[in-house]
Amino acid sequence: MRAGRDCPLDYRLPSDAFAGEPLFDCQSLYVVGGLYGNRQALAALQQRLDAEPQARVVFNGDAHWFDCDTPVFQEVEQGLSGHLALRGNVETELGRLDDSGAGCGCAYPASVDDALVERSNAIQRELSQTVQRLPGMAARLAARPATALVSVGGQRVAISHGDEYSLAGWSCAREALAEPGRQQQLDQWLAAKQVRVLATSHTCAAVALNLAHGALINNGAAGLPNFADGHYGLISRIATTAHPAALYRCQRDGLFIEALPLHYAHEAFLADFDRQWPTASPAALSYRSRILGAVADQPQHALLAGFSLCQRLCAQEALTDE
C-alpha cells in the first residue's frame, strides 16, 4: 500500500450501492463536497438555505481537512448535524481503529507529484490527532455511509464522493472523462442503474457532463476557490426550478442541474487557515495560493458537454424574445 496513492479494498463500492428506493424525495437538493473544514463556507451555505428553506442537503464527503483546531472541527460537525453527511476518504481514514496504510486515502493519480502526496498524508496525520482528542468522534465518522440514492422531482440522483465505483475514484475527473470510451461507459452505467444524475466531488476540480441517459456534476470543492481570481467555493444544486445565481447549468427530465458559487467570508477563512496552518506547514504549502485565488481554471473549463454558462443562456433567451 502506497500512502496517498493506493485505495484500500473497502473503498470499492458494492454493486448494489445505488439499488433500491431513494432515501427521500425533494424538489431542491444541494450536494456539498469538499467543505474542507471551512466554517465560513458552512455559514454561507446556511444563508442559501435560509433563502430556500425546503431544500435538502447532502454533504458529499471531505467535510474536514483544514480544521485541525478542535473547536473549529466541532463547529463544522455541528453544522453538518441535521443533514445527511457521507464519508469521503478523509472521514473514512479518520474513523479507522487501525492505520490502513492509505495515508490520506486520496488515491492520487501519477500526474500528482510525490511532494504534494506526502503533504496530504501529513495533513491527515495532524487531523487524526484532532479526532483522537474528541471521544467518540472516530466512531461517528466511521458510521457515515459512503453513498446515497435520493430523488429530486421523482428522478433518481446517485451521490458518491469519488465516482460510481470507488469512494476515492478518479474516473469522474476531467482527464479521465476525456479518455476514449469513458463517457460511453458512464452513460451505460447511468442507464443500467436508472440514475438521472450522478453527483460527485473528490477531484477538487469541477466537471459537468450531460449524456444520453443522465448527467454528471462534480462540484470540485465547496470550501476552496475553483476558478481564477475567485474567493468562493462551488456547490451542486439539482432542482425542479432554476436558481438565478447559477454559474452554469443543464436542463433535462424536468430537472435543472446547476453549479452555484458559495461566497464565504474570505478574509475570515484565510485568518482561520493561517492560524491553524502557519507558513511552511504542509497545508500552507499545498493550498494557500489556491485560497488566495491562484487557480488557472475558468468556469467554461468545467463544461465537457451539454451544460452552458448561464450568461450565454440569458443571451440566447434575449435573442429568442427579440
C-alpha atoms as a PDB file:
ATOM      1  CA  MET A   1       0.000   0.000   0.000  1.00  0.00           C
ATOM      2  CA  ARG A   2       1.472   3.356  -1.065  1.00  0.00           C
ATOM      3  CA  ALA A   3       0.139   6.007   1.315  1.00  0.00           C
ATOM      4  CA  GLY A   4      -1.863   8.606  -0.581  1.00  0.00           C
ATOM      5  CA  ARG A   5      -1.636   6.651  -3.843  1.00  0.00           C
ATOM      6  CA  ASP A   6      -3.459   3.366  -3.340  1.00  0.00           C
ATOM      7  CA  CYS A   7      -7.016   2.620  -2.213  1.00  0.00           C
ATOM      8  CA  PRO A   8      -7.858   0.018   0.431  1.00  0.00           C
ATOM      9  CA  LEU A   9     -10.150  -2.708  -0.869  1.00  0.00           C
ATOM     10  CA  ASP A  10     -13.039  -1.402   1.236  1.00  0.00           C
ATOM     11  CA  TYR A  11     -13.114   1.784  -0.868  1.00  0.00           C
ATOM     12  CA  ARG A  12     -14.713  -0.246  -3.647  1.00  0.00           C
ATOM     13  CA  LEU A  13     -18.452   0.456  -3.763  1.00  0.00           C
ATOM     14  CA  PRO A  14     -20.744  -2.586  -3.739  1.00  0.00           C
ATOM     15  CA  SER A  15     -22.587  -3.333  -6.964  1.00  0.00           C
ATOM     16  CA  ASP A  16     -25.922  -2.595  -5.259  1.00  0.00           C
ATOM     17  CA  ALA A  17     -24.805   0.735  -3.781  1.00  0.00           C
ATOM     18  CA  PHE A  18     -27.455   2.628  -5.767  1.00  0.00           C
ATOM     19  CA  ALA A  19     -30.162  -0.043  -5.838  1.00  0.00           C
ATOM     20  CA  GLY A  20     -33.482   0.102  -4.025  1.00  0.00           C
ATOM     21  CA  GLU A  21     -35.659   3.038  -3.096  1.00  0.00           C
ATOM     22  CA  PRO A  22     -34.343   6.591  -2.646  1.00  0.00           C
ATOM     23  CA  LEU A  23     -33.831   7.822   0.893  1.00  0.00           C
ATOM     24  CA  PHE A  24     -36.103  10.793   0.288  1.00  0.00           C
ATOM     25  CA  ASP A  25     -37.734  12.865  -2.426  1.00  0.00           C
ATOM     26  CA  CYS A  26     -37.438  16.627  -2.624  1.00  0.00           C
ATOM     27  CA  GLN A  27     -37.815  19.475  -5.093  1.00  0.00           C
ATOM     28  CA  SER A  28     -34.416  21.033  -4.443  1.00  0.00           C
ATOM     29  CA  LEU A  29     -31.158  19.353  -3.433  1.00  0.00           C
ATOM     30  CA  TYR A  30     -27.746  20.787  -2.608  1.00  0.00           C
ATOM     31  CA  VAL A  31     -24.716  18.490  -2.820  1.00  0.00           C
ATOM     32  CA  VAL A  32     -21.776  19.904  -0.880  1.00  0.00           C
ATOM     33  CA  GLY A  33     -18.484  18.079  -1.423  1.00  0.00           C
ATOM     34  CA  GLY A  34     -15.058  19.177  -0.244  1.00  0.00           C
ATOM     35  CA  LEU A  35     -16.042  21.621   2.506  1.00  0.00           C
ATOM     36  CA  TYR A  36     -12.531  21.003   3.898  1.00  0.00           C
ATOM     37  CA  GLY A  37     -13.231  22.393   7.343  1.00  0.00           C
ATOM     38  CA  ASN A  38     -14.124  25.860   6.038  1.00  0.00           C
ATOM     39  CA  ARG A  39     -16.618  27.060   8.646  1.00  0.00           C
ATOM     40  CA  GLN A  40     -17.155  30.312   6.748  1.00  0.00           C
ATOM     41  CA  ALA A  41     -18.338  28.283   3.741  1.00  0.00           C
ATOM     42  CA  LEU A  42     -20.681  26.417   6.074  1.00  0.00           C
ATOM     43  CA  ALA A  43     -22.144  29.749   7.215  1.00  0.00           C
ATOM     44  CA  ALA A  44     -22.571  30.820   3.577  1.00  0.00           C
ATOM     45  CA  LEU A  45     -24.415  27.580   2.855  1.00  0.00           C
ATOM     46  CA  GLN A  46     -26.782  28.291   5.743  1.00  0.00           C
ATOM     47  CA  GLN A  47     -27.589  31.658   4.170  1.00  0.00           C
ATOM     48  CA  ARG A  48     -28.506  29.831   0.954  1.00  0.00           C
ATOM     49  CA  LEU A  49     -30.746  27.503   2.927  1.00  0.00           C
ATOM     50  CA  ASP A  50     -32.404  30.400   4.725  1.00  0.00           C
ATOM     51  CA  ALA A  51     -33.476  31.663   1.297  1.00  0.00           C
ATOM     52  CA  GLU A  52     -34.606  28.172   0.190  1.00  0.00           C
ATOM     53  CA  PRO A  53     -35.798  26.516   3.422  1.00  0.00           C
ATOM     54  CA  GLN A  54     -37.375  23.469   1.745  1.00  0.00           C
ATOM     55  CA  ALA A  55     -34.104  22.414   0.101  1.00  0.00           C
ATOM     56  CA  ARG A  56     -32.341  19.261   1.279  1.00  0.00           C
ATOM     57  CA  VAL A  57     -28.575  18.980   1.714  1.00  0.00           C
ATOM     58  CA  VAL A  58     -26.175  16.073   1.324  1.00  0.00           C
ATOM     59  CA  PHE A  59     -22.590  16.675   2.428  1.00  0.00           C
ATOM     60  CA  ASN A  60     -20.611  14.658  -0.060  1.00  0.00           C
ATOM     61  CA  GLY A  61     -17.522  13.756   1.955  1.00  0.00           C
ATOM     62  CA  ASP A  62     -14.289  15.512   2.959  1.00  0.00           C
ATOM     63  CA  ALA A  63     -16.185  17.960   5.140  1.00  0.00           C
ATOM     64  CA  HIS A  64     -12.980  18.111   7.221  1.00  0.00           C
ATOM     65  CA  TRP A  65      -9.383  18.884   6.192  1.00  0.00           C
ATOM     66  CA  PHE A  66      -8.076  22.259   7.359  1.00  0.00           C
ATOM     67  CA  ASP A  67      -9.920  22.221  10.709  1.00  0.00           C
ATOM     68  CA  CYS A  68      -7.203  20.727  12.910  1.00  0.00           C
ATOM     69  CA  ASP A  69      -8.159  23.169  15.698  1.00  0.00           C
ATOM     70  CA  THR A  70     -10.515  21.203  17.948  1.00  0.00           C
ATOM     71  CA  PRO A  71     -13.196  23.918  18.381  1.00  0.00           C
ATOM     72  CA  VAL A  72     -13.285  24.532  14.616  1.00  0.00           C
ATOM     73  CA  PHE A  73     -13.626  20.807  13.949  1.00  0.00           C
ATOM     74  CA  GLN A  74     -16.506  20.639  16.415  1.00  0.00           C
ATOM     75  CA  GLU A  75     -18.166  23.681  14.873  1.00  0.00           C
ATOM     76  CA  VAL A  76     -18.045  22.058  11.443  1.00  0.00           C
ATOM     77  CA  GLU A  77     -19.513  18.858  12.887  1.00  0.00           C
ATOM     78  CA  GLN A  78     -22.320  20.857  14.460  1.00  0.00           C
ATOM     79  CA  GLY A  79     -23.049  22.453  11.095  1.00  0.00           C
ATOM     80  CA  LEU A  80     -23.385  19.024   9.485  1.00  0.00           C
ATOM     81  CA  SER A  81     -25.939  17.862  12.026  1.00  0.00           C
ATOM     82  CA  GLY A  82     -29.480  17.826  10.734  1.00  0.00           C
ATOM     83  CA  HIS A  83     -28.282  16.984   7.214  1.00  0.00           C
ATOM     84  CA  LEU A  84     -27.186  13.768   5.522  1.00  0.00           C
ATOM     85  CA  ALA A  85     -23.383  13.542   5.696  1.00  0.00           C
ATOM     86  CA  LEU A  86     -21.418  10.970   3.697  1.00  0.00           C
ATOM     87  CA  ARG A  87     -17.889   9.698   4.230  1.00  0.00           C
ATOM     88  CA  GLY A  88     -15.129  10.893   1.968  1.00  0.00           C
ATOM     89  CA  ASN A  89     -11.646   9.440   2.100  1.00  0.00           C
ATOM     90  CA  VAL A  90     -10.772  11.935   4.850  1.00  0.00           C
ATOM     91  CA  GLU A  91     -13.547  10.780   7.188  1.00  0.00           C
ATOM     92  CA  THR A  92     -13.003   7.128   6.272  1.00  0.00           C
ATOM     93  CA  GLU A  93      -9.359   7.194   7.342  1.00  0.00           C
ATOM     94  CA  LEU A  94     -10.084   9.333  10.420  1.00  0.00           C
ATOM     95  CA  GLY A  95     -12.685   6.788  11.502  1.00  0.00           C
ATOM     96  CA  ARG A  96     -10.435   3.721  11.439  1.00  0.00           C
ATOM     97  CA  LEU A  97      -9.301   1.997  14.619  1.00  0.00           C
ATOM     98  CA  ASP A  98      -6.109   0.845  12.894  1.00  0.00           C
ATOM     99  CA  ASP A  99      -3.952   2.500  10.263  1.00  0.00           C
ATOM    100  CA  SER A 100      -4.921   1.138   6.837  1.00  0.00           C
ATOM    101  CA  GLY A 101      -1.677   2.321   5.246  1.00  0.00           C
ATOM    102  CA  ALA A 102      -3.647   4.509   2.819  1.00  0.00           C
ATOM    103  CA  GLY A 103      -2.464   7.791   4.349  1.00  0.00           C
ATOM    104  CA  CYS A 104      -4.953  10.473   3.380  1.00  0.00           C
ATOM    105  CA  GLY A 105      -6.825   7.982   1.192  1.00  0.00           C
ATOM    106  CA  CYS A 106      -6.817  10.405  -1.745  1.00  0.00           C
ATOM    107  CA  ALA A 107      -5.542   7.744  -4.191  1.00  0.00           C
ATOM    108  CA  TYR A 108      -3.777  10.450  -6.189  1.00  0.00           C
ATOM    109  CA  PRO A 109      -3.027   9.591  -9.832  1.00  0.00           C
ATOM    110  CA  ALA A 110       0.513   9.500 -11.185  1.00  0.00           C
ATOM    111  CA  SER A 111       0.157  13.053 -12.543  1.00  0.00           C
ATOM    112  CA  VAL A 112       0.269  14.422  -8.968  1.00  0.00           C
ATOM    113  CA  ASP A 113       3.804  14.914  -7.690  1.00  0.00           C
ATOM    114  CA  ASP A 114       5.106  12.977  -4.694  1.00  0.00           C
ATOM    115  CA  ALA A 115       5.699  16.074  -2.566  1.00  0.00           C
ATOM    116  CA  LEU A 116       2.033  17.038  -2.665  1.00  0.00           C
ATOM    117  CA  VAL A 117       1.012  13.477  -1.817  1.00  0.00           C
ATOM    118  CA  GLU A 118       3.290  13.419   1.215  1.00  0.00           C
ATOM    119  CA  ARG A 119       1.961  16.804   2.382  1.00  0.00           C
ATOM    120  CA  SER A 120      -1.588  15.438   2.175  1.00  0.00           C
ATOM    121  CA  ASN A 121      -0.558  12.459   4.264  1.00  0.00           C
ATOM    122  CA  ALA A 122       0.924  14.865   6.824  1.00  0.00           C
ATOM    123  CA  ILE A 123      -2.316  16.891   6.949  1.00  0.00           C
ATOM    124  CA  GLN A 124      -4.241  13.674   7.563  1.00  0.00           C
ATOM    125  CA  ARG A 125      -1.913  12.726  10.435  1.00  0.00           C
ATOM    126  CA  GLU A 126      -2.413  16.131  12.059  1.00  0.00           C
ATOM    127  CA  LEU A 127      -6.182  15.899  11.664  1.00  0.00           C
ATOM    128  CA  SER A 128      -6.149  12.395  13.144  1.00  0.00           C
ATOM    129  CA  GLN A 129      -4.652  13.833  16.342  1.00  0.00           C
ATOM    130  CA  THR A 130      -7.572  16.258  16.493  1.00  0.00           C
ATOM    131  CA  VAL A 131     -10.080  13.398  16.214  1.00  0.00           C
ATOM    132  CA  GLN A 132      -8.269  11.459  18.947  1.00  0.00           C
ATOM    133  CA  ARG A 133      -8.900  14.380  21.320  1.00  0.00           C
ATOM    134  CA  LEU A 134     -12.659  14.045  20.755  1.00  0.00           C
ATOM    135  CA  PRO A 135     -14.135  10.955  22.444  1.00  0.00           C
ATOM    136  CA  GLY A 136     -16.441   9.009  20.150  1.00  0.00           C
ATOM    137  CA  MET A 137     -15.656  11.120  17.085  1.00  0.00           C
ATOM    138  CA  ALA A 138     -13.824   8.408  15.142  1.00  0.00           C
ATOM    139  CA  ALA A 139     -16.792   6.046  15.501  1.00  0.00           C
ATOM    140  CA  ARG A 140     -19.160   8.830  14.470  1.00  0.00           C
ATOM    141  CA  LEU A 141     -17.205   9.450  11.276  1.00  0.00           C
ATOM    142  CA  ALA A 142     -16.848   5.735  10.509  1.00  0.00           C
ATOM    143  CA  ALA A 143     -20.612   5.232  10.799  1.00  0.00           C
ATOM    144  CA  ARG A 144     -21.384   7.587   7.940  1.00  0.00           C
ATOM    145  CA  PRO A 145     -22.471   5.984   4.665  1.00  0.00           C
ATOM    146  CA  ALA A 146     -20.235   6.170   1.603  1.00  0.00           C
ATOM    147  CA  THR A 147     -23.061   6.772  -0.879  1.00  0.00           C
ATOM    148  CA  ALA A 148     -26.655   7.916  -1.090  1.00  0.00           C
ATOM    149  CA  LEU A 149     -29.527   7.478  -3.511  1.00  0.00           C
ATOM    150  CA  VAL A 150     -32.164  10.218  -3.329  1.00  0.00           C
ATOM    151  CA  SER A 151     -34.927  11.533  -5.544  1.00  0.00           C
ATOM    152  CA  VAL A 152     -35.445  15.055  -6.865  1.00  0.00           C
ATOM    153  CA  GLY A 153     -38.743  15.699  -8.590  1.00  0.00           C
ATOM    154  CA  GLY A 154     -39.192  11.955  -8.945  1.00  0.00           C
ATOM    155  CA  GLN A 155     -35.808  11.453 -10.663  1.00  0.00           C
ATOM    156  CA  ARG A 156     -33.119   9.230  -9.150  1.00  0.00           C
ATOM    157  CA  VAL A 157     -29.943  11.019  -8.046  1.00  0.00           C
ATOM    158  CA  ALA A 158     -26.866   8.992  -7.025  1.00  0.00           C
ATOM    159  CA  ILE A 159     -24.301  10.650  -4.762  1.00  0.00           C
ATOM    160  CA  SER A 160     -20.754   9.372  -4.328  1.00  0.00           C
ATOM    161  CA  HIS A 161     -17.666  11.128  -3.061  1.00  0.00           C
ATOM    162  CA  GLY A 162     -15.377   9.687  -5.740  1.00  0.00           C
ATOM    163  CA  ASP A 163     -17.032   8.056  -8.736  1.00  0.00           C
ATOM    164  CA  GLU A 164     -19.605   5.349  -9.427  1.00  0.00           C
ATOM    165  CA  TYR A 165     -17.168   2.575  -8.487  1.00  0.00           C
ATOM    166  CA  SER A 166     -14.925   3.820  -5.679  1.00  0.00           C
ATOM    167  CA  LEU A 167     -15.118   6.118  -2.672  1.00  0.00           C
ATOM    168  CA  ALA A 168     -11.908   7.810  -3.825  1.00  0.00           C
ATOM    169  CA  GLY A 169     -12.094   7.031  -7.534  1.00  0.00           C
ATOM    170  CA  TRP A 170     -10.836   9.485 -10.130  1.00  0.00           C
ATOM    171  CA  SER A 171     -12.949   8.263 -13.052  1.00  0.00           C
ATOM    172  CA  CYS A 172     -15.114  11.395 -12.842  1.00  0.00           C
ATOM    173  CA  ALA A 173     -12.134  13.718 -13.203  1.00  0.00           C
ATOM    174  CA  ARG A 174     -11.909  15.754 -16.415  1.00  0.00           C
ATOM    175  CA  GLU A 175      -8.838  13.912 -17.605  1.00  0.00           C
ATOM    176  CA  ALA A 176     -10.465  10.508 -17.128  1.00  0.00           C
ATOM    177  CA  LEU A 177     -13.679  11.595 -18.853  1.00  0.00           C
ATOM    178  CA  ALA A 178     -11.625  12.668 -21.875  1.00  0.00           C
ATOM    179  CA  GLU A 179     -10.245   9.152 -22.349  1.00  0.00           C
ATOM    180  CA  PRO A 180     -11.728   7.098 -25.220  1.00  0.00           C
ATOM    181  CA  GLY A 181     -14.806   5.150 -24.186  1.00  0.00           C
ATOM    182  CA  ARG A 182     -15.091   6.585 -20.673  1.00  0.00           C
ATOM    183  CA  GLN A 183     -18.139   8.752 -21.357  1.00  0.00           C
ATOM    184  CA  GLN A 184     -19.881   5.828 -23.059  1.00  0.00           C
ATOM    185  CA  GLN A 185     -19.073   3.643 -20.048  1.00  0.00           C
ATOM    186  CA  LEU A 186     -20.548   6.227 -17.671  1.00  0.00           C
ATOM    187  CA  ASP A 187     -23.650   6.618 -19.829  1.00  0.00           C
ATOM    188  CA  GLN A 188     -24.192   2.855 -19.847  1.00  0.00           C
ATOM    189  CA  TRP A 189     -23.880   2.826 -16.051  1.00  0.00           C
ATOM    190  CA  LEU A 190     -26.445   5.638 -15.720  1.00  0.00           C
ATOM    191  CA  ALA A 191     -28.843   3.709 -17.954  1.00  0.00           C
ATOM    192  CA  ALA A 192     -28.354   0.404 -16.135  1.00  0.00           C
ATOM    193  CA  LYS A 193     -28.880   1.987 -12.697  1.00  0.00           C
ATOM    194  CA  GLN A 194     -31.759   4.200 -13.948  1.00  0.00           C
ATOM    195  CA  VAL A 195     -29.943   7.204 -12.489  1.00  0.00           C
ATOM    196  CA  ARG A 196     -30.588  10.627 -13.977  1.00  0.00           C
ATOM    197  CA  VAL A 197     -27.814  12.480 -12.125  1.00  0.00           C
ATOM    198  CA  LEU A 198     -24.552  11.336 -10.560  1.00  0.00           C
ATOM    199  CA  ALA A 199     -23.198  13.959  -8.140  1.00  0.00           C
ATOM    200  CA  THR A 200     -19.549  13.592  -7.129  1.00  0.00           C
ATOM    201  CA  SER A 201     -16.598  15.560  -5.754  1.00  0.00           C
ATOM    202  CA  HIS A 202     -13.117  14.336  -4.623  1.00  0.00           C
ATOM    203  CA  THR A 203     -11.010  15.543  -7.559  1.00  0.00           C
ATOM    204  CA  CYS A 204     -11.074  19.167  -6.360  1.00  0.00           C
ATOM    205  CA  ALA A 205     -11.785  20.298  -9.947  1.00  0.00           C
ATOM    206  CA  ALA A 206     -15.302  20.973 -11.198  1.00  0.00           C
ATOM    207  CA  VAL A 207     -16.818  18.908 -14.028  1.00  0.00           C
ATOM    208  CA  ALA A 208     -20.224  18.986 -15.726  1.00  0.00           C
ATOM    209  CA  LEU A 209     -21.314  16.499 -18.381  1.00  0.00           C
ATOM    210  CA  ASN A 210     -24.742  15.752 -19.857  1.00  0.00           C
ATOM    211  CA  LEU A 211     -25.047  12.397 -21.632  1.00  0.00           C
ATOM    212  CA  ALA A 212     -27.822  10.494 -23.370  1.00  0.00           C
ATOM    213  CA  HIS A 213     -29.140   8.748 -20.241  1.00  0.00           C
ATOM    214  CA  GLY A 214     -28.106  11.107 -17.456  1.00  0.00           C
ATOM    215  CA  ALA A 215     -25.796  13.824 -16.228  1.00  0.00           C
ATOM    216  CA  LEU A 216     -22.681  14.063 -14.094  1.00  0.00           C
ATOM    217  CA  ILE A 217     -21.918  17.045 -11.894  1.00  0.00           C
ATOM    218  CA  ASN A 218     -18.718  17.284  -9.835  1.00  0.00           C
ATOM    219  CA  ASN A 219     -18.642  20.412  -7.667  1.00  0.00           C
ATOM    220  CA  GLY A 220     -14.883  20.463  -7.239  1.00  0.00           C
ATOM    221  CA  ALA A 221     -14.700  21.996  -3.758  1.00  0.00           C
ATOM    222  CA  ALA A 222     -17.214  23.855  -1.622  1.00  0.00           C
ATOM    223  CA  GLY A 223     -14.539  25.165   0.728  1.00  0.00           C
ATOM    224  CA  LEU A 224     -11.895  26.310  -1.775  1.00  0.00           C
ATOM    225  CA  PRO A 225     -11.786  28.533  -4.863  1.00  0.00           C
ATOM    226  CA  ASN A 226     -12.324  26.571  -8.067  1.00  0.00           C
ATOM    227  CA  PHE A 227     -11.895  29.303 -10.687  1.00  0.00           C
ATOM    228  CA  ALA A 228      -9.346  32.017 -11.428  1.00  0.00           C
ATOM    229  CA  ASP A 229      -9.330  35.042  -9.124  1.00  0.00           C
ATOM    230  CA  GLY A 230     -12.367  33.753  -7.262  1.00  0.00           C
ATOM    231  CA  HIS A 231     -12.674  33.682  -3.484  1.00  0.00           C
ATOM    232  CA  TYR A 232     -15.674  31.368  -3.425  1.00  0.00           C
ATOM    233  CA  GLY A 233     -16.434  27.674  -3.312  1.00  0.00           C
ATOM    234  CA  LEU A 234     -18.764  25.706  -5.552  1.00  0.00           C
ATOM    235  CA  ILE A 235     -21.794  23.565  -4.742  1.00  0.00           C
ATOM    236  CA  SER A 236     -24.114  21.477  -6.890  1.00  0.00           C
ATOM    237  CA  ARG A 237     -27.841  22.167  -6.986  1.00  0.00           C
ATOM    238  CA  ILE A 238     -30.342  19.757  -8.541  1.00  0.00           C
ATOM    239  CA  ALA A 239     -33.890  21.070  -8.527  1.00  0.00           C
ATOM    240  CA  THR A 240     -37.177  21.387 -10.364  1.00  0.00           C
ATOM    241  CA  THR A 241     -36.655  25.157 -10.690  1.00  0.00           C
ATOM    242  CA  ALA A 242     -33.657  27.205 -11.828  1.00  0.00           C
ATOM    243  CA  HIS A 243     -31.596  29.315  -9.430  1.00  0.00           C
ATOM    244  CA  PRO A 244     -30.727  32.867 -10.533  1.00  0.00           C
ATOM    245  CA  ALA A 245     -27.194  32.656  -9.104  1.00  0.00           C
ATOM    246  CA  ALA A 246     -26.115  29.559 -11.058  1.00  0.00           C
ATOM    247  CA  LEU A 247     -22.791  29.762 -12.920  1.00  0.00           C
ATOM    248  CA  TYR A 248     -23.728  27.046 -15.386  1.00  0.00           C
ATOM    249  CA  ARG A 249     -26.495  24.503 -15.799  1.00  0.00           C
ATOM    250  CA  CYS A 250     -28.252  21.977 -17.956  1.00  0.00           C
ATOM    251  CA  GLN A 251     -31.943  21.109 -18.044  1.00  0.00           C
ATOM    252  CA  ARG A 252     -33.185  17.560 -18.545  1.00  0.00           C
ATOM    253  CA  ASP A 253     -36.034  15.290 -17.396  1.00  0.00           C
ATOM    254  CA  GLY A 254     -37.706  18.127 -15.521  1.00  0.00           C
ATOM    255  CA  LEU A 255     -34.549  18.983 -13.548  1.00  0.00           C
ATOM    256  CA  PHE A 256     -32.154  21.908 -13.511  1.00  0.00           C
ATOM    257  CA  ILE A 257     -28.636  20.648 -12.740  1.00  0.00           C
ATOM    258  CA  GLU A 258     -26.505  23.604 -11.710  1.00  0.00           C
ATOM    259  CA  ALA A 259     -23.275  24.786 -10.134  1.00  0.00           C
ATOM    260  CA  LEU A 260     -23.699  27.656  -7.665  1.00  0.00           C
ATOM    261  CA  PRO A 261     -20.964  29.839  -6.191  1.00  0.00           C
ATOM    262  CA  LEU A 262     -20.614  29.736  -2.420  1.00  0.00           C
ATOM    263  CA  HIS A 263     -19.399  33.196  -1.420  1.00  0.00           C
ATOM    264  CA  TYR A 264     -17.877  32.735   2.016  1.00  0.00           C
ATOM    265  CA  ALA A 265     -16.071  35.327   4.161  1.00  0.00           C
ATOM    266  CA  HIS A 266     -12.667  35.064   2.507  1.00  0.00           C
ATOM    267  CA  GLU A 267     -10.593  37.116   4.965  1.00  0.00           C
ATOM    268  CA  ALA A 268     -12.039  35.282   7.957  1.00  0.00           C
ATOM    269  CA  PHE A 269     -11.336  31.909   6.357  1.00  0.00           C
ATOM    270  CA  LEU A 270      -7.781  32.962   5.489  1.00  0.00           C
ATOM    271  CA  ALA A 271      -7.205  34.055   9.092  1.00  0.00           C
ATOM    272  CA  ASP A 272      -8.567  30.716  10.331  1.00  0.00           C
ATOM    273  CA  PHE A 273      -6.324  28.855   7.902  1.00  0.00           C
ATOM    274  CA  ASP A 274      -3.163  30.816   8.751  1.00  0.00           C
ATOM    275  CA  ARG A 275      -3.720  30.308  12.470  1.00  0.00           C
ATOM    276  CA  GLN A 276      -4.078  26.544  12.077  1.00  0.00           C
ATOM    277  CA  TRP A 277      -1.531  26.089   9.277  1.00  0.00           C
ATOM    278  CA  PRO A 278       1.333  28.618   9.512  1.00  0.00           C
ATOM    279  CA  THR A 279       3.935  29.287   6.840  1.00  0.00           C
ATOM    280  CA  ALA A 280       5.836  26.164   5.702  1.00  0.00           C
ATOM    281  CA  SER A 281       3.190  23.818   7.130  1.00  0.00           C
ATOM    282  CA  PRO A 282       2.028  21.103   4.705  1.00  0.00           C
ATOM    283  CA  ALA A 283      -1.395  22.693   4.173  1.00  0.00           C
ATOM    284  CA  ALA A 284       0.079  26.152   3.610  1.00  0.00           C
ATOM    285  CA  LEU A 285       2.500  24.811   1.008  1.00  0.00           C
ATOM    286  CA  SER A 286      -0.217  22.899  -0.837  1.00  0.00           C
ATOM    287  CA  TYR A 287      -3.242  25.163  -0.565  1.00  0.00           C
ATOM    288  CA  ARG A 288      -2.582  28.753   0.497  1.00  0.00           C
ATOM    289  CA  SER A 289      -2.016  30.037  -3.034  1.00  0.00           C
ATOM    290  CA  ARG A 290      -5.281  28.437  -4.134  1.00  0.00           C
ATOM    291  CA  ILE A 291      -7.111  30.037  -1.219  1.00  0.00           C
ATOM    292  CA  LEU A 292      -5.791  33.380  -2.488  1.00  0.00           C
ATOM    293  CA  GLY A 293      -7.300  32.664  -5.923  1.00  0.00           C
ATOM    294  CA  ALA A 294      -4.274  31.325  -7.819  1.00  0.00           C
ATOM    295  CA  VAL A 295      -6.320  28.925  -9.943  1.00  0.00           C
ATOM    296  CA  ALA A 296      -5.957  28.566 -13.711  1.00  0.00           C
ATOM    297  CA  ASP A 297      -9.449  27.226 -14.418  1.00  0.00           C
ATOM    298  CA  GLN A 298     -12.331  29.301 -15.724  1.00  0.00           C
ATOM    299  CA  PRO A 299     -15.982  28.129 -15.375  1.00  0.00           C
ATOM    300  CA  GLN A 300     -16.100  27.113 -19.039  1.00  0.00           C
ATOM    301  CA  HIS A 301     -13.260  24.638 -18.439  1.00  0.00           C
ATOM    302  CA  ALA A 302     -15.622  22.563 -16.290  1.00  0.00           C
ATOM    303  CA  LEU A 303     -18.151  22.117 -19.094  1.00  0.00           C
ATOM    304  CA  LEU A 304     -17.434  18.954 -21.083  1.00  0.00           C
ATOM    305  CA  ALA A 305     -20.768  18.606 -22.913  1.00  0.00           C
ATOM    306  CA  GLY A 306     -24.410  19.529 -22.567  1.00  0.00           C
ATOM    307  CA  PHE A 307     -24.007  22.300 -19.970  1.00  0.00           C
ATOM    308  CA  SER A 308     -23.984  26.035 -20.700  1.00  0.00           C
ATOM    309  CA  LEU A 309     -22.759  29.108 -18.886  1.00  0.00           C
ATOM    310  CA  CYS A 310     -25.784  30.929 -17.549  1.00  0.00           C
ATOM    311  CA  GLN A 311     -24.725  34.227 -19.136  1.00  0.00           C
ATOM    312  CA  ARG A 312     -24.882  32.541 -22.534  1.00  0.00           C
ATOM    313  CA  LEU A 313     -28.277  31.093 -21.749  1.00  0.00           C
ATOM    314  CA  CYS A 314     -29.594  34.523 -20.861  1.00  0.00           C
ATOM    315  CA  ALA A 315     -28.202  35.993 -24.082  1.00  0.00           C
ATOM    316  CA  GLN A 316     -29.797  33.231 -26.140  1.00  0.00           C
ATOM    317  CA  GLU A 317     -33.138  33.762 -24.447  1.00  0.00           C
ATOM    318  CA  ALA A 318     -32.943  37.508 -25.130  1.00  0.00           C
ATOM    319  CA  LEU A 319     -32.283  36.901 -28.816  1.00  0.00           C
ATOM    320  CA  THR A 320     -35.216  34.490 -28.966  1.00  0.00           C
ATOM    321  CA  ASP A 321     -37.517  37.085 -27.416  1.00  0.00           C
ATOM    322  CA  GLU A 322     -36.463  39.663 -29.999  1.00  0.00           C
END
